[in-house]
């Protein structure tokens, strides 16, 4: 049995979950299309591909489930103790260092370089 991983909880008023594999196929294509205009299409493609790799972590998937339950019950969403950007940033650090801070900080801002090294 294949277990689907999620990128995001359903938007308010819907029951449709956003699957992670679909997200990680669509985002790179859109990023490339937009960045091709200024000659950075390939870099943008890989940034889009790697930016949410950490969401495959079962702990992050559990966090999304808890957020969904909280939204349905009117409670506050929990804070994630499982970062999802560091995995893609570490891969980028090995393959293309310039993308690592962009991926690591895509929700929270630019990181310290030391945080991206193992």
PDB file of N, CA and C in Angstrom:
ATOM      1  N   UNK A   1       0.831  -1.170   0.000  1.00  0.00           N
ATOM      2  CA  UNK A   1       0.000   0.000   0.000  1.00  0.00           C
ATOM      3  C   UNK A   1       0.889   1.251   0.000  1.00  0.00           C
ATOM      4  N   UNK A   2       0.602   2.176  -0.874  1.00  0.00           N
ATOM      5  CA  UNK A   2       1.333   3.427  -0.960  1.00  0.00           C
ATOM      6  C   UNK A   2       0.650   4.465  -0.087  1.00  0.00           C
ATOM      7  N   UNK A   3       1.447   5.128   0.727  1.00  0.00           N
ATOM      8  CA  UNK A   3       0.923   6.200   1.570  1.00  0.00           C
ATOM      9  C   UNK A   3       1.241   7.517   0.880  1.00  0.00           C
ATOM     10  N   UNK A   4       0.231   8.345   0.694  1.00  0.00           N
ATOM     11  CA  UNK A   4       0.436   9.651   0.064  1.00  0.00           C
ATOM     12  C   UNK A   4       0.889  10.648   1.112  1.00  0.00           C
ATOM     13  N   UNK A   5       1.865  11.451   0.750  1.00  0.00           N
ATOM     14  CA  UNK A   5       2.313  12.540   1.610  1.00  0.00           C
ATOM     15  C   UNK A   5       1.668  13.832   1.131  1.00  0.00           C
ATOM     16  N   UNK A   6       1.460  14.733   2.055  1.00  0.00           N
ATOM     17  CA  UNK A   6       0.779  15.981   1.748  1.00  0.00           C
ATOM     18  C   UNK A   6       1.734  17.161   1.784  1.00  0.00           C
ATOM     19  N   UNK A   7       1.451  18.137   0.928  1.00  0.00           N
ATOM     20  CA  UNK A   7       2.213  19.387   0.914  1.00  0.00           C
ATOM     21  C   UNK A   7       1.547  20.401   1.833  1.00  0.00           C
ATOM     22  N   UNK A   8       0.208  20.413   1.819  1.00  0.00           N
ATOM     23  CA  UNK A   8      -0.564  21.405   2.569  1.00  0.00           C
ATOM     24  C   UNK A   8      -1.870  20.771   3.009  1.00  0.00           C
ATOM     25  N   UNK A   9      -2.435  21.321   4.063  1.00  0.00           N
ATOM     26  CA  UNK A   9      -3.772  20.913   4.482  1.00  0.00           C
ATOM     27  C   UNK A   9      -4.786  21.499   3.497  1.00  0.00           C
ATOM     28  N   UNK A  10      -6.014  21.013   3.525  1.00  0.00           N
ATOM     29  CA  UNK A  10      -7.031  21.574   2.619  1.00  0.00           C
ATOM     30  C   UNK A  10      -7.262  23.064   2.890  1.00  0.00           C
ATOM     31  N   UNK A  11      -7.504  23.802   1.832  1.00  0.00           N
ATOM     32  CA  UNK A  11      -7.851  25.221   1.989  1.00  0.00           C
ATOM     33  C   UNK A  11      -9.195  25.312   2.699  1.00  0.00           C
ATOM     34  N   UNK A  12      -9.398  26.432   3.368  1.00  0.00           N
ATOM     35  CA  UNK A  12     -10.633  26.637   4.104  1.00  0.00           C
ATOM     36  C   UNK A  12     -11.839  26.440   3.182  1.00  0.00           C
ATOM     37  N   UNK A  13     -12.785  25.672   3.651  1.00  0.00           N
ATOM     38  CA  UNK A  13     -14.003  25.443   2.884  1.00  0.00           C
ATOM     39  C   UNK A  13     -13.917  24.280   1.909  1.00  0.00           C
ATOM     40  N   UNK A  14     -12.749  23.614   1.834  1.00  0.00           N
ATOM     41  CA  UNK A  14     -12.624  22.455   0.951  1.00  0.00           C
ATOM     42  C   UNK A  14     -12.181  21.242   1.760  1.00  0.00           C
ATOM     43  N   UNK A  15     -12.244  20.100   1.133  1.00  0.00           N
ATOM     44  CA  UNK A  15     -11.769  18.861   1.756  1.00  0.00           C
ATOM     45  C   UNK A  15     -10.609  18.265   0.962  1.00  0.00           C
ATOM     46  N   UNK A  16     -10.103  19.030   0.013  1.00  0.00           N
ATOM     47  CA  UNK A  16      -9.085  18.510  -0.909  1.00  0.00           C
ATOM     48  C   UNK A  16      -7.684  18.781  -0.354  1.00  0.00           C
ATOM     49  N   UNK A  17      -6.956  17.717  -0.097  1.00  0.00           N
ATOM     50  CA  UNK A  17      -5.573  17.808   0.355  1.00  0.00           C
ATOM     51  C   UNK A  17      -4.665  18.032  -0.852  1.00  0.00           C
ATOM     52  N   UNK A  18      -3.605  18.759  -0.670  1.00  0.00           N
ATOM     53  CA  UNK A  18      -2.623  19.017  -1.729  1.00  0.00           C
ATOM     54  C   UNK A  18      -1.499  17.999  -1.560  1.00  0.00           C
ATOM     55  N   UNK A  19      -1.411  17.058  -2.492  1.00  0.00           N
ATOM     56  CA  UNK A  19      -0.403  15.999  -2.391  1.00  0.00           C
ATOM     57  C   UNK A  19       0.995  16.530  -2.676  1.00  0.00           C
ATOM     58  N   UNK A  20       1.957  16.035  -1.909  1.00  0.00           N
ATOM     59  CA  UNK A  20       3.330  16.518  -2.004  1.00  0.00           C
ATOM     60  C   UNK A  20       3.971  16.191  -3.346  1.00  0.00           C
ATOM     61  N   UNK A  21       3.739  15.005  -3.875  1.00  0.00           N
ATOM     62  CA  UNK A  21       4.354  14.673  -5.167  1.00  0.00           C
ATOM     63  C   UNK A  21       3.855  15.607  -6.268  1.00  0.00           C
ATOM     64  N   UNK A  22       2.580  15.945  -6.248  1.00  0.00           N
ATOM     65  CA  UNK A  22       2.034  16.884  -7.237  1.00  0.00           C
ATOM     66  C   UNK A  22       2.645  18.276  -7.048  1.00  0.00           C
ATOM     67  N   UNK A  23       2.780  18.693  -5.800  1.00  0.00           N
ATOM     68  CA  UNK A  23       3.357  19.994  -5.477  1.00  0.00           C
ATOM     69  C   UNK A  23       4.807  20.084  -5.986  1.00  0.00           C
ATOM     70  N   UNK A  24       5.575  19.017  -5.750  1.00  0.00           N
ATOM     71  CA  UNK A  24       6.988  19.029  -6.135  1.00  0.00           C
ATOM     72  C   UNK A  24       7.198  18.780  -7.632  1.00  0.00           C
ATOM     73  N   UNK A  25       6.156  18.522  -8.363  1.00  0.00           N
ATOM     74  CA  UNK A  25       6.227  18.496  -9.823  1.00  0.00           C
ATOM     75  C   UNK A  25       5.791  19.837 -10.418  1.00  0.00           C
ATOM     76  N   UNK A  26       4.810  20.465  -9.797  1.00  0.00           N
ATOM     77  CA  UNK A  26       4.275  21.721 -10.338  1.00  0.00           C
ATOM     78  C   UNK A  26       5.152  22.927 -10.022  1.00  0.00           C
ATOM     79  N   UNK A  27       5.613  23.041  -8.790  1.00  0.00           N
ATOM     80  CA  UNK A  27       6.376  24.229  -8.386  1.00  0.00           C
ATOM     81  C   UNK A  27       7.635  24.435  -9.222  1.00  0.00           C
ATOM     82  N   UNK A  28       8.441  23.397  -9.461  1.00  0.00           N
ATOM     83  CA  UNK A  28       9.647  23.625 -10.269  1.00  0.00           C
ATOM     84  C   UNK A  28       9.348  24.131 -11.685  1.00  0.00           C
ATOM     85  N   UNK A  29       8.286  23.619 -12.270  1.00  0.00           N
ATOM     86  CA  UNK A  29       7.925  24.056 -13.625  1.00  0.00           C
ATOM     87  C   UNK A  29       7.536  25.531 -13.644  1.00  0.00           C
ATOM     88  N   UNK A  30       6.743  25.935 -12.663  1.00  0.00           N
ATOM     89  CA  UNK A  30       6.326  27.332 -12.587  1.00  0.00           C
ATOM     90  C   UNK A  30       7.522  28.229 -12.286  1.00  0.00           C
ATOM     91  N   UNK A  31       8.364  27.798 -11.341  1.00  0.00           N
ATOM     92  CA  UNK A  31       9.545  28.586 -10.985  1.00  0.00           C
ATOM     93  C   UNK A  31      10.456  28.771 -12.194  1.00  0.00           C
ATOM     94  N   UNK A  32      10.659  27.703 -12.951  1.00  0.00           N
ATOM     95  CA  UNK A  32      11.508  27.783 -14.148  1.00  0.00           C
ATOM     96  C   UNK A  32      10.920  28.750 -15.165  1.00  0.00           C
ATOM     97  N   UNK A  33       9.643  28.624 -15.416  1.00  0.00           N
ATOM     98  CA  UNK A  33       8.974  29.493 -16.369  1.00  0.00           C
ATOM     99  C   UNK A  33       9.162  30.967 -15.999  1.00  0.00           C
ATOM    100  N   UNK A  34       8.974  31.287 -14.736  1.00  0.00           N
ATOM    101  CA  UNK A  34       9.112  32.672 -14.291  1.00  0.00           C
ATOM    102  C   UNK A  34      10.570  33.144 -14.323  1.00  0.00           C
ATOM    103  N   UNK A  35      11.491  32.284 -13.917  1.00  0.00           N
ATOM    104  CA  UNK A  35      12.899  32.682 -13.833  1.00  0.00           C
ATOM    105  C   UNK A  35      13.613  32.642 -15.179  1.00  0.00           C
ATOM    106  N   UNK A  36      13.055  31.940 -16.143  1.00  0.00           N
ATOM    107  CA  UNK A  36      13.645  31.952 -17.495  1.00  0.00           C
ATOM    108  C   UNK A  36      13.734  33.376 -18.043  1.00  0.00           C
ATOM    109  N   UNK A  37      12.831  34.230 -17.602  1.00  0.00           N
ATOM    110  CA  UNK A  37      12.790  35.611 -18.087  1.00  0.00           C
ATOM    111  C   UNK A  37      14.052  36.381 -17.753  1.00  0.00           C
ATOM    112  N   UNK A  38      14.759  35.965 -16.694  1.00  0.00           N
ATOM    113  CA  UNK A  38      16.003  36.649 -16.351  1.00  0.00           C
ATOM    114  C   UNK A  38      17.191  35.687 -16.282  1.00  0.00           C
ATOM    115  N   UNK A  39      17.074  34.569 -16.998  1.00  0.00           N
ATOM    116  CA  UNK A  39      18.199  33.654 -17.176  1.00  0.00           C
ATOM    117  C   UNK A  39      18.504  32.735 -16.010  1.00  0.00           C
ATOM    118  N   UNK A  40      17.566  32.549 -15.101  1.00  0.00           N
ATOM    119  CA  UNK A  40      17.817  31.694 -13.941  1.00  0.00           C
ATOM    120  C   UNK A  40      16.841  30.526 -13.870  1.00  0.00           C
ATOM    121  N   UNK A  41      16.333  30.108 -15.012  1.00  0.00           N
ATOM    122  CA  UNK A  41      15.327  29.054 -15.046  1.00  0.00           C
ATOM    123  C   UNK A  41      15.768  27.750 -14.427  1.00  0.00           C
ATOM    124  N   UNK A  42      16.976  27.307 -14.739  1.00  0.00           N
ATOM    125  CA  UNK A  42      17.447  26.019 -14.208  1.00  0.00           C
ATOM    126  C   UNK A  42      17.617  26.087 -12.690  1.00  0.00           C
ATOM    127  N   UNK A  43      18.175  27.190 -12.190  1.00  0.00           N
ATOM    128  CA  UNK A  43      18.319  27.350 -10.737  1.00  0.00           C
ATOM    129  C   UNK A  43      16.955  27.354 -10.055  1.00  0.00           C
ATOM    130  N   UNK A  44      16.014  28.073 -10.626  1.00  0.00           N
ATOM    131  CA  UNK A  44      14.677  28.137 -10.050  1.00  0.00           C
ATOM    132  C   UNK A  44      13.997  26.770 -10.065  1.00  0.00           C
ATOM    133  N   UNK A  45      14.238  26.011 -11.124  1.00  0.00           N
ATOM    134  CA  UNK A  45      13.669  24.664 -11.214  1.00  0.00           C
ATOM    135  C   UNK A  45      14.115  23.820 -10.018  1.00  0.00           C
ATOM    136  N   UNK A  46      15.424  23.812  -9.748  1.00  0.00           N
ATOM    137  CA  UNK A  46      15.930  22.998  -8.641  1.00  0.00           C
ATOM    138  C   UNK A  46      15.510  23.546  -7.285  1.00  0.00           C
ATOM    139  N   UNK A  47      15.433  24.849  -7.142  1.00  0.00           N
ATOM    140  CA  UNK A  47      14.934  25.417  -5.890  1.00  0.00           C
ATOM    141  C   UNK A  47      13.496  24.953  -5.642  1.00  0.00           C
ATOM    142  N   UNK A  48      12.676  24.975  -6.680  1.00  0.00           N
ATOM    143  CA  UNK A  48      11.295  24.513  -6.562  1.00  0.00           C
ATOM    144  C   UNK A  48      11.190  23.030  -6.283  1.00  0.00           C
ATOM    145  N   UNK A  49      12.074  22.266  -6.885  1.00  0.00           N
ATOM    146  CA  UNK A  49      12.058  20.814  -6.709  1.00  0.00           C
ATOM    147  C   UNK A  49      12.448  20.406  -5.289  1.00  0.00           C
ATOM    148  N   UNK A  50      13.429  21.095  -4.729  1.00  0.00           N
ATOM    149  CA  UNK A  50      13.980  20.694  -3.435  1.00  0.00           C
ATOM    150  C   UNK A  50      13.361  21.411  -2.241  1.00  0.00           C
ATOM    151  N   UNK A  51      12.583  22.467  -2.451  1.00  0.00           N
ATOM    152  CA  UNK A  51      12.186  23.335  -1.342  1.00  0.00           C
ATOM    153  C   UNK A  51      11.359  22.660  -0.251  1.00  0.00           C
ATOM    154  N   UNK A  52      10.578  21.657  -0.566  1.00  0.00           N
ATOM    155  CA  UNK A  52       9.722  21.016   0.433  1.00  0.00           C
ATOM    156  C   UNK A  52      10.026  19.531   0.627  1.00  0.00           C
ATOM    157  N   UNK A  53      11.233  19.092   0.328  1.00  0.00           N
ATOM    158  CA  UNK A  53      11.574  17.673   0.491  1.00  0.00           C
ATOM    159  C   UNK A  53      11.347  17.191   1.922  1.00  0.00           C
ATOM    160  N   UNK A  54      11.596  18.057   2.881  1.00  0.00           N
ATOM    161  CA  UNK A  54      11.437  17.680   4.282  1.00  0.00           C
ATOM    162  C   UNK A  54      10.008  17.366   4.686  1.00  0.00           C
ATOM    163  N   UNK A  55       9.061  17.710   3.851  1.00  0.00           N
ATOM    164  CA  UNK A  55       7.667  17.399   4.168  1.00  0.00           C
ATOM    165  C   UNK A  55       7.369  15.909   4.051  1.00  0.00           C
ATOM    166  N   UNK A  56       8.304  15.135   3.491  1.00  0.00           N
ATOM    167  CA  UNK A  56       8.130  13.685   3.471  1.00  0.00           C
ATOM    168  C   UNK A  56       8.362  13.069   4.852  1.00  0.00           C
ATOM    169  N   UNK A  57       8.950  13.813   5.773  1.00  0.00           N
ATOM    170  CA  UNK A  57       9.197  13.329   7.126  1.00  0.00           C
ATOM    171  C   UNK A  57       7.863  12.974   7.778  1.00  0.00           C
ATOM    172  N   UNK A  58       7.719  11.748   8.300  1.00  0.00           N
ATOM    173  CA  UNK A  58       6.457  11.362   8.940  1.00  0.00           C
ATOM    174  C   UNK A  58       6.033  12.311  10.073  1.00  0.00           C
ATOM    175  N   UNK A  59       7.000  12.895  10.768  1.00  0.00           N
ATOM    176  CA  UNK A  59       6.664  13.837  11.837  1.00  0.00           C
ATOM    177  C   UNK A  59       6.021  15.100  11.266  1.00  0.00           C
ATOM    178  N   UNK A  60       6.482  15.530  10.098  1.00  0.00           N
ATOM    179  CA  UNK A  60       5.858  16.710   9.486  1.00  0.00           C
ATOM    180  C   UNK A  60       4.466  16.360   8.976  1.00  0.00           C
ATOM    181  N   UNK A  61       4.292  15.161   8.449  1.00  0.00           N
ATOM    182  CA  UNK A  61       2.967  14.731   8.005  1.00  0.00           C
ATOM    183  C   UNK A  61       1.988  14.678   9.178  1.00  0.00           C
ATOM    184  N   UNK A  62       2.461  14.232  10.327  1.00  0.00           N
ATOM    185  CA  UNK A  62       1.629  14.215  11.535  1.00  0.00           C
ATOM    186  C   UNK A  62       1.253  15.642  11.933  1.00  0.00           C
ATOM    187  N   UNK A  63       2.202  16.562  11.825  1.00  0.00           N
ATOM    188  CA  UNK A  63       1.943  17.974  12.118  1.00  0.00           C
ATOM    189  C   UNK A  63       0.823  18.511  11.214  1.00  0.00           C
ATOM    190  N   UNK A  64       0.867  18.192   9.916  1.00  0.00           N
ATOM    191  CA  UNK A  64      -0.193  18.649   9.010  1.00  0.00           C
ATOM    192  C   UNK A  64      -1.553  18.091   9.427  1.00  0.00           C
ATOM    193  N   UNK A  65      -1.578  16.840   9.831  1.00  0.00           N
ATOM    194  CA  UNK A  65      -2.832  16.230  10.300  1.00  0.00           C
ATOM    195  C   UNK A  65      -3.358  16.970  11.532  1.00  0.00           C
ATOM    196  N   UNK A  66      -2.455  17.296  12.470  1.00  0.00           N
ATOM    197  CA  UNK A  66      -2.866  18.024  13.671  1.00  0.00           C
ATOM    198  C   UNK A  66      -3.384  19.420  13.327  1.00  0.00           C
ATOM    199  N   UNK A  67      -2.761  20.057  12.360  1.00  0.00           N
ATOM    200  CA  UNK A  67      -3.234  21.376  11.906  1.00  0.00           C
ATOM    201  C   UNK A  67      -4.635  21.273  11.324  1.00  0.00           C
ATOM    202  N   UNK A  68      -4.859  20.232  10.545  1.00  0.00           N
ATOM    203  CA  UNK A  68      -6.170  20.033   9.931  1.00  0.00           C
ATOM    204  C   UNK A  68      -7.239  19.795  10.998  1.00  0.00           C
ATOM    205  N   UNK A  69      -6.926  18.968  11.966  1.00  0.00           N
ATOM    206  CA  UNK A  69      -7.875  18.705  13.059  1.00  0.00           C
ATOM    207  C   UNK A  69      -8.169  20.000  13.813  1.00  0.00           C
ATOM    208  N   UNK A  70      -7.113  20.778  14.077  1.00  0.00           N
ATOM    209  CA  UNK A  70      -7.293  22.050  14.792  1.00  0.00           C
ATOM    210  C   UNK A  70      -8.198  22.991  13.998  1.00  0.00           C
ATOM    211  N   UNK A  71      -8.015  23.045  12.688  1.00  0.00           N
ATOM    212  CA  UNK A  71      -8.839  23.948  11.875  1.00  0.00           C
ATOM    213  C   UNK A  71     -10.306  23.527  11.873  1.00  0.00           C
ATOM    214  N   UNK A  72     -10.561  22.227  11.932  1.00  0.00           N
ATOM    215  CA  UNK A  72     -11.935  21.737  11.947  1.00  0.00           C
ATOM    216  C   UNK A  72     -12.611  21.934  13.294  1.00  0.00           C
ATOM    217  N   UNK A  73     -11.820  22.020  14.354  1.00  0.00           N
ATOM    218  CA  UNK A  73     -12.395  22.146  15.695  1.00  0.00           C
ATOM    219  C   UNK A  73     -12.321  23.569  16.230  1.00  0.00           C
ATOM    220  N   UNK A  74     -11.766  24.484  15.431  1.00  0.00           N
ATOM    221  CA  UNK A  74     -11.676  25.876  15.855  1.00  0.00           C
ATOM    222  C   UNK A  74     -10.550  26.160  16.826  1.00  0.00           C
ATOM    223  N   UNK A  75      -9.647  25.217  16.991  1.00  0.00           N
ATOM    224  CA  UNK A  75      -8.516  25.406  17.906  1.00  0.00           C
ATOM    225  C   UNK A  75      -7.341  26.031  17.151  1.00  0.00           C
ATOM    226  N   UNK A  76      -6.386  26.499  17.893  1.00  0.00           N
ATOM    227  CA  UNK A  76      -5.165  27.052  17.287  1.00  0.00           C
ATOM    228  C   UNK A  76      -4.316  25.919  16.734  1.00  0.00           C
ATOM    229  N   UNK A  77      -3.717  26.165  15.590  1.00  0.00           N
ATOM    230  CA  UNK A  77      -2.833  25.166  14.987  1.00  0.00           C
ATOM    231  C   UNK A  77      -1.576  25.026  15.832  1.00  0.00           C
ATOM    232  N   UNK A  78      -1.066  23.818  15.974  1.00  0.00           N
ATOM    233  CA  UNK A  78       0.174  23.631  16.732  1.00  0.00           C
ATOM    234  C   UNK A  78       1.359  24.223  15.979  1.00  0.00           C
ATOM    235  N   UNK A  79       2.424  24.497  16.702  1.00  0.00           N
ATOM    236  CA  UNK A  79       3.655  24.958  16.055  1.00  0.00           C
ATOM    237  C   UNK A  79       4.467  23.722  15.698  1.00  0.00           C
ATOM    238  N   UNK A  80       5.024  23.726  14.503  1.00  0.00           N
ATOM    239  CA  UNK A  80       5.803  22.575  14.061  1.00  0.00           C
ATOM    240  C   UNK A  80       7.155  22.549  14.751  1.00  0.00           C
ATOM    241  N   UNK A  81       7.496  21.391  15.258  1.00  0.00           N
ATOM    242  CA  UNK A  81       8.824  21.181  15.820  1.00  0.00           C
ATOM    243  C   UNK A  81       9.696  20.428  14.819  1.00  0.00           C
ATOM    244  N   UNK A  82       9.140  20.196  13.646  1.00  0.00           N
ATOM    245  CA  UNK A  82       9.857  19.471  12.601  1.00  0.00           C
ATOM    246  C   UNK A  82      10.034  20.397  11.409  1.00  0.00           C
ATOM    247  N   UNK A  83      11.215  21.004  11.270  1.00  0.00           N
ATOM    248  CA  UNK A  83      11.428  21.883  10.117  1.00  0.00           C
ATOM    249  C   UNK A  83      11.415  21.075   8.820  1.00  0.00           C
ATOM    250  N   UNK A  84      10.895  21.677   7.773  1.00  0.00           N
ATOM    251  CA  UNK A  84      10.819  20.935   6.514  1.00  0.00           C
ATOM    252  C   UNK A  84      11.769  21.469   5.448  1.00  0.00           C
ATOM    253  N   UNK A  85      12.376  22.615   5.654  1.00  0.00           N
ATOM    254  CA  UNK A  85      13.213  23.210   4.610  1.00  0.00           C
ATOM    255  C   UNK A  85      14.672  22.769   4.675  1.00  0.00           C
ATOM    256  N   UNK A  86      15.112  22.300   5.827  1.00  0.00           N
ATOM    257  CA  UNK A  86      16.534  22.003   5.989  1.00  0.00           C
ATOM    258  C   UNK A  86      16.994  20.852   5.087  1.00  0.00           C
ATOM    259  N   UNK A  87      16.143  19.871   4.837  1.00  0.00           N
ATOM    260  CA  UNK A  87      16.554  18.731   4.020  1.00  0.00           C
ATOM    261  C   UNK A  87      16.890  19.164   2.596  1.00  0.00           C
ATOM    262  N   UNK A  88      16.036  19.958   1.995  1.00  0.00           N
ATOM    263  CA  UNK A  88      16.307  20.456   0.655  1.00  0.00           C
ATOM    264  C   UNK A  88      17.505  21.387   0.626  1.00  0.00           C
ATOM    265  N   UNK A  89      17.667  22.179   1.689  1.00  0.00           N
ATOM    266  CA  UNK A  89      18.820  23.089   1.768  1.00  0.00           C
ATOM    267  C   UNK A  89      20.122  22.305   1.859  1.00  0.00           C
ATOM    268  N   UNK A  90      20.104  21.221   2.602  1.00  0.00           N
ATOM    269  CA  UNK A  90      21.322  20.397   2.701  1.00  0.00           C
ATOM    270  C   UNK A  90      21.658  19.753   1.365  1.00  0.00           C
ATOM    271  N   UNK A  91      20.661  19.301   0.645  1.00  0.00           N
ATOM    272  CA  UNK A  91      20.909  18.757  -0.689  1.00  0.00           C
ATOM    273  C   UNK A  91      21.473  19.842  -1.599  1.00  0.00           C
ATOM    274  N   UNK A  92      20.894  21.014  -1.550  1.00  0.00           N
ATOM    275  CA  UNK A  92      21.387  22.133  -2.364  1.00  0.00           C
ATOM    276  C   UNK A  92      22.812  22.502  -1.963  1.00  0.00           C
ATOM    277  N   UNK A  93      23.136  22.439  -0.676  1.00  0.00           N
ATOM    278  CA  UNK A  93      24.484  22.768  -0.214  1.00  0.00           C
ATOM    279  C   UNK A  93      25.508  21.849  -0.897  1.00  0.00           C
ATOM    280  N   UNK A  94      25.130  20.602  -1.128  1.00  0.00           N
ATOM    281  CA  UNK A  94      26.019  19.652  -1.809  1.00  0.00           C
ATOM    282  C   UNK A  94      26.071  19.894  -3.312  1.00  0.00           C
ATOM    283  N   UNK A  95      24.955  20.290  -3.907  1.00  0.00           N
ATOM    284  CA  UNK A  95      24.841  20.375  -5.364  1.00  0.00           C
ATOM    285  C   UNK A  95      25.024  21.778  -5.922  1.00  0.00           C
ATOM    286  N   UNK A  96      24.509  22.780  -5.221  1.00  0.00           N
ATOM    287  CA  UNK A  96      24.549  24.161  -5.708  1.00  0.00           C
ATOM    288  C   UNK A  96      24.371  25.102  -4.517  1.00  0.00           C
ATOM    289  N   UNK A  97      25.492  25.446  -3.884  1.00  0.00           N
ATOM    290  CA  UNK A  97      25.466  26.200  -2.623  1.00  0.00           C
ATOM    291  C   UNK A  97      24.615  27.469  -2.664  1.00  0.00           C
ATOM    292  N   UNK A  98      24.524  28.115  -3.814  1.00  0.00           N
ATOM    293  CA  UNK A  98      23.771  29.371  -3.906  1.00  0.00           C
ATOM    294  C   UNK A  98      22.281  29.186  -3.628  1.00  0.00           C
ATOM    295  N   UNK A  99      21.769  27.998  -3.864  1.00  0.00           N
ATOM    296  CA  UNK A  99      20.347  27.755  -3.628  1.00  0.00           C
ATOM    297  C   UNK A  99      20.032  27.413  -2.177  1.00  0.00           C
ATOM    298  N   UNK A 100      21.031  26.971  -1.433  1.00  0.00           N
ATOM    299  CA  UNK A 100      20.781  26.495  -0.069  1.00  0.00           C
ATOM    300  C   UNK A 100      20.100  27.534   0.813  1.00  0.00           C
ATOM    301  N   UNK A 101      20.583  28.781   0.888  1.00  0.00           N
ATOM    302  CA  UNK A 101      19.901  29.736   1.771  1.00  0.00           C
ATOM    303  C   UNK A 101      18.491  30.097   1.292  1.00  0.00           C
ATOM    304  N   UNK A 102      18.284  30.078   0.003  1.00  0.00           N
ATOM    305  CA  UNK A 102      16.958  30.386  -0.540  1.00  0.00           C
ATOM    306  C   UNK A 102      15.963  29.305  -0.118  1.00  0.00           C
ATOM    307  N   UNK A 103      16.375  28.059  -0.258  1.00  0.00           N
ATOM    308  CA  UNK A 103      15.501  26.946   0.108  1.00  0.00           C
ATOM    309  C   UNK A 103      15.279  26.913   1.616  1.00  0.00           C
ATOM    310  N   UNK A 104      16.356  27.056   2.367  1.00  0.00           N
ATOM    311  CA  UNK A 104      16.249  26.992   3.829  1.00  0.00           C
ATOM    312  C   UNK A 104      15.336  28.088   4.368  1.00  0.00           C
ATOM    313  N   UNK A 105      15.399  29.252   3.780  1.00  0.00           N
ATOM    314  CA  UNK A 105      14.637  30.379   4.295  1.00  0.00           C
ATOM    315  C   UNK A 105      13.365  30.687   3.547  1.00  0.00           C
ATOM    316  N   UNK A 106      12.839  29.748   2.777  1.00  0.00           N
ATOM    317  CA  UNK A 106      11.694  30.088   1.935  1.00  0.00           C
ATOM    318  C   UNK A 106      10.422  30.429   2.717  1.00  0.00           C
ATOM    319  N   UNK A 107      10.378  30.149   3.994  1.00  0.00           N
ATOM    320  CA  UNK A 107       9.265  30.606   4.825  1.00  0.00           C
ATOM    321  C   UNK A 107       9.719  31.554   5.926  1.00  0.00           C
ATOM    322  N   UNK A 108      10.947  31.389   6.357  1.00  0.00           N
ATOM    323  CA  UNK A 108      11.370  32.081   7.572  1.00  0.00           C
ATOM    324  C   UNK A 108      12.448  33.138   7.384  1.00  0.00           C
ATOM    325  N   UNK A 109      12.918  33.346   6.189  1.00  0.00           N
ATOM    326  CA  UNK A 109      13.979  34.322   5.977  1.00  0.00           C
ATOM    327  C   UNK A 109      15.328  33.652   5.820  1.00  0.00           C
ATOM    328  N   UNK A 110      16.323  34.423   5.453  1.00  0.00           N
ATOM    329  CA  UNK A 110      17.640  33.865   5.190  1.00  0.00           C
ATOM    330  C   UNK A 110      18.302  33.349   6.475  1.00  0.00           C
ATOM    331  N   UNK A 111      18.900  32.164   6.406  1.00  0.00           N
ATOM    332  CA  UNK A 111      19.515  31.541   7.572  1.00  0.00           C
ATOM    333  C   UNK A 111      20.999  31.902   7.715  1.00  0.00           C
ATOM    334  N   UNK A 112      21.549  31.445   8.821  1.00  0.00           N
ATOM    335  CA  UNK A 112      23.012  31.485   8.983  1.00  0.00           C
ATOM    336  C   UNK A 112      23.573  30.329   8.162  1.00  0.00           C
ATOM    337  N   UNK A 113      24.696  30.563   7.518  1.00  0.00           N
ATOM    338  CA  UNK A 113      25.335  29.532   6.697  1.00  0.00           C
ATOM    339  C   UNK A 113      25.622  28.280   7.531  1.00  0.00           C
ATOM    340  N   UNK A 114      26.056  28.439   8.755  1.00  0.00           N
ATOM    341  CA  UNK A 114      26.388  27.299   9.609  1.00  0.00           C
ATOM    342  C   UNK A 114      25.208  26.365   9.823  1.00  0.00           C
ATOM    343  N   UNK A 115      23.978  26.884   9.768  1.00  0.00           N
ATOM    344  CA  UNK A 115      22.796  26.056   9.980  1.00  0.00           C
ATOM    345  C   UNK A 115      22.560  25.074   8.830  1.00  0.00           C
ATOM    346  N   UNK A 116      23.140  25.326   7.679  1.00  0.00           N
ATOM    347  CA  UNK A 116      22.898  24.464   6.521  1.00  0.00           C
ATOM    348  C   UNK A 116      23.933  23.365   6.391  1.00  0.00           C
ATOM    349  N   UNK A 117      25.001  23.429   7.176  1.00  0.00           N
ATOM    350  CA  UNK A 117      26.028  22.396   7.145  1.00  0.00           C
ATOM    351  C   UNK A 117      25.644  21.302   8.127  1.00  0.00           C
ATOM    352  N   UNK A 118      26.028  20.082   7.821  1.00  0.00           N
ATOM    353  CA  UNK A 118      25.713  18.982   8.744  1.00  0.00           C
ATOM    354  C   UNK A 118      26.659  18.968   9.896  1.00  0.00           C
TER     355      UNK A 118
END
